[in-house]
Amino acid sequence: MGETVTTTLTLDAELEKRLRTLAEAEASSPASLMERAISEYVGREEERRQLDEDADAAWRHYQETGLHLTFEEVEAWFEKIAAGEDAELPECHT
């Protein structure tokens, strides 16, 4: 995992109580649960930011080239895939 550092986190009393209860139920420590929760949150946010960047890049590419697929074309392709067929994605067009 890498080097660890200590940080301070202030929780309200009710949340701290809920955290301790959950940690006991999972035979874990509050610190372990907090680390896991923060790690999962950071991972989700990194993925969301990457998705936003990819969407922005795709939009710029479309604006520059006009290349696209219609919803109907993608839906028909996806239905084939969902049915277990080996279907290639249609070529983009203007």
C-alpha atoms as a PDB file:
ATOM      1  CA  MET A   1       0.000   0.000   0.000  1.00  0.00           C
ATOM      2  CA  GLY A   2       2.833   2.397   0.660  1.00  0.00           C
ATOM      3  CA  GLU A   3       3.980   4.702   3.376  1.00  0.00           C
ATOM      4  CA  THR A   4       1.357   5.547   5.977  1.00  0.00           C
ATOM      5  CA  VAL A   5       0.826   8.909   7.627  1.00  0.00           C
ATOM      6  CA  THR A   6      -1.242   9.936  10.593  1.00  0.00           C
ATOM      7  CA  THR A   7      -3.942  12.536  10.200  1.00  0.00           C
ATOM      8  CA  THR A   8      -6.614  13.948  12.466  1.00  0.00           C
ATOM      9  CA  LEU A   9     -10.310  13.759  11.727  1.00  0.00           C
ATOM     10  CA  THR A  10     -12.965  15.376  13.893  1.00  0.00           C
ATOM     11  CA  LEU A  11     -16.336  13.598  13.974  1.00  0.00           C
ATOM     12  CA  ASP A  12     -19.503  14.540  15.762  1.00  0.00           C
ATOM     13  CA  ALA A  13     -20.328  12.286  18.713  1.00  0.00           C
ATOM     14  CA  GLU A  14     -23.233  10.500  17.015  1.00  0.00           C
ATOM     15  CA  LEU A  15     -21.199   9.605  13.912  1.00  0.00           C
ATOM     16  CA  GLU A  16     -18.300   8.412  16.060  1.00  0.00           C
ATOM     17  CA  LYS A  17     -20.681   6.179  18.021  1.00  0.00           C
ATOM     18  CA  ARG A  18     -22.118   4.724  14.800  1.00  0.00           C
ATOM     19  CA  LEU A  19     -18.609   4.133  13.488  1.00  0.00           C
ATOM     20  CA  ARG A  20     -17.539   2.269  16.638  1.00  0.00           C
ATOM     21  CA  THR A  21     -20.710   0.140  16.541  1.00  0.00           C
ATOM     22  CA  LEU A  22     -20.102  -0.777  12.916  1.00  0.00           C
ATOM     23  CA  ALA A  23     -16.433  -1.505  13.555  1.00  0.00           C
ATOM     24  CA  GLU A  24     -17.312  -3.856  16.418  1.00  0.00           C
ATOM     25  CA  ALA A  25     -19.908  -5.635  14.255  1.00  0.00           C
ATOM     26  CA  GLU A  26     -17.307  -6.155  11.529  1.00  0.00           C
ATOM     27  CA  ALA A  27     -14.523  -7.094  13.966  1.00  0.00           C
ATOM     28  CA  SER A  28     -12.553  -4.173  12.643  1.00  0.00           C
ATOM     29  CA  SER A  29     -11.252  -0.886  13.953  1.00  0.00           C
ATOM     30  CA  PRO A  30     -12.806   2.537  13.398  1.00  0.00           C
ATOM     31  CA  ALA A  31      -9.546   3.653  11.776  1.00  0.00           C
ATOM     32  CA  SER A  32      -9.680   0.752   9.321  1.00  0.00           C
ATOM     33  CA  LEU A  33     -13.280   1.558   8.373  1.00  0.00           C
ATOM     34  CA  MET A  34     -12.451   5.235   7.894  1.00  0.00           C
ATOM     35  CA  GLU A  35      -9.445   4.401   5.725  1.00  0.00           C
ATOM     36  CA  ARG A  36     -11.548   2.060   3.581  1.00  0.00           C
ATOM     37  CA  ALA A  37     -14.360   4.625   3.249  1.00  0.00           C
ATOM     38  CA  ILE A  38     -11.970   7.407   2.287  1.00  0.00           C
ATOM     39  CA  SER A  39     -10.130   5.155  -0.170  1.00  0.00           C
ATOM     40  CA  GLU A  40     -13.400   4.126  -1.854  1.00  0.00           C
ATOM     41  CA  TYR A  41     -14.585   7.746  -2.028  1.00  0.00           C
ATOM     42  CA  VAL A  42     -11.315   8.975  -3.504  1.00  0.00           C
ATOM     43  CA  GLY A  43     -11.373   6.151  -6.060  1.00  0.00           C
ATOM     44  CA  ARG A  44     -14.928   6.994  -7.128  1.00  0.00           C
ATOM     45  CA  GLU A  45     -14.117  10.697  -7.431  1.00  0.00           C
ATOM     46  CA  GLU A  46     -10.992   9.969  -9.478  1.00  0.00           C
ATOM     47  CA  GLU A  47     -13.058   7.788 -11.817  1.00  0.00           C
ATOM     48  CA  ARG A  48     -15.764  10.482 -12.072  1.00  0.00           C
ATOM     49  CA  ARG A  49     -13.198  13.142 -12.914  1.00  0.00           C
ATOM     50  CA  GLN A  50     -11.637  10.873 -15.548  1.00  0.00           C
ATOM     51  CA  LEU A  51     -15.087  10.242 -17.040  1.00  0.00           C
ATOM     52  CA  ASP A  52     -15.692  14.013 -17.189  1.00  0.00           C
ATOM     53  CA  GLU A  53     -12.333  14.537 -18.921  1.00  0.00           C
ATOM     54  CA  ASP A  54     -13.047  11.716 -21.389  1.00  0.00           C
ATOM     55  CA  ALA A  55     -16.504  13.124 -22.134  1.00  0.00           C
ATOM     56  CA  ASP A  56     -15.064  16.601 -22.718  1.00  0.00           C
ATOM     57  CA  ALA A  57     -12.426  15.149 -25.063  1.00  0.00           C
ATOM     58  CA  ALA A  58     -15.081  13.170 -26.953  1.00  0.00           C
ATOM     59  CA  TRP A  59     -17.234  16.291 -27.299  1.00  0.00           C
ATOM     60  CA  ARG A  60     -14.282  18.300 -28.645  1.00  0.00           C
ATOM     61  CA  HIS A  61     -13.489  15.490 -31.092  1.00  0.00           C
ATOM     62  CA  TYR A  62     -17.090  15.451 -32.305  1.00  0.00           C
ATOM     63  CA  GLN A  63     -17.080  19.237 -32.731  1.00  0.00           C
ATOM     64  CA  GLU A  64     -13.861  19.028 -34.772  1.00  0.00           C
ATOM     65  CA  THR A  65     -14.775  16.031 -36.949  1.00  0.00           C
ATOM     66  CA  GLY A  66     -18.546  15.605 -36.853  1.00  0.00           C
ATOM     67  CA  LEU A  67     -18.012  11.838 -36.524  1.00  0.00           C
ATOM     68  CA  HIS A  68     -20.754  10.138 -34.530  1.00  0.00           C
ATOM     69  CA  LEU A  69     -23.123   7.205 -34.130  1.00  0.00           C
ATOM     70  CA  THR A  70     -26.845   7.608 -33.633  1.00  0.00           C
ATOM     71  CA  PHE A  71     -28.616   6.274 -30.578  1.00  0.00           C
ATOM     72  CA  GLU A  72     -30.380   3.742 -32.777  1.00  0.00           C
ATOM     73  CA  GLU A  73     -27.078   2.465 -34.197  1.00  0.00           C
ATOM     74  CA  VAL A  74     -25.557   2.033 -30.746  1.00  0.00           C
ATOM     75  CA  GLU A  75     -28.746   0.471 -29.364  1.00  0.00           C
ATOM     76  CA  ALA A  76     -28.889  -2.092 -32.217  1.00  0.00           C
ATOM     77  CA  TRP A  77     -25.208  -2.939 -31.648  1.00  0.00           C
ATOM     78  CA  PHE A  78     -25.707  -3.250 -27.904  1.00  0.00           C
ATOM     79  CA  GLU A  79     -28.741  -5.528 -28.347  1.00  0.00           C
ATOM     80  CA  LYS A  80     -26.612  -7.883 -30.445  1.00  0.00           C
ATOM     81  CA  ILE A  81     -23.904  -7.917 -27.779  1.00  0.00           C
ATOM     82  CA  ALA A  82     -26.494  -8.508 -25.041  1.00  0.00           C
ATOM     83  CA  ALA A  83     -27.886 -11.424 -27.060  1.00  0.00           C
ATOM     84  CA  GLY A  84     -24.431 -13.010 -27.104  1.00  0.00           C
ATOM     85  CA  GLU A  85     -23.651 -12.199 -30.722  1.00  0.00           C
ATOM     86  CA  ASP A  86     -20.141 -11.243 -31.755  1.00  0.00           C
ATOM     87  CA  ALA A  87     -20.924  -7.825 -33.232  1.00  0.00           C
ATOM     88  CA  GLU A  88     -18.498  -5.067 -34.109  1.00  0.00           C
ATOM     89  CA  LEU A  89     -19.281  -1.485 -33.240  1.00  0.00           C
ATOM     90  CA  PRO A  90     -20.515   0.336 -36.356  1.00  0.00           C
ATOM     91  CA  GLU A  91     -18.179   2.855 -37.953  1.00  0.00           C
ATOM     92  CA  CYS A  92     -18.665   6.471 -37.032  1.00  0.00           C
ATOM     93  CA  HIS A  93     -19.954   8.773 -39.764  1.00  0.00           C
ATOM     94  CA  THR A  94     -20.715  12.443 -40.289  1.00  0.00           C
END
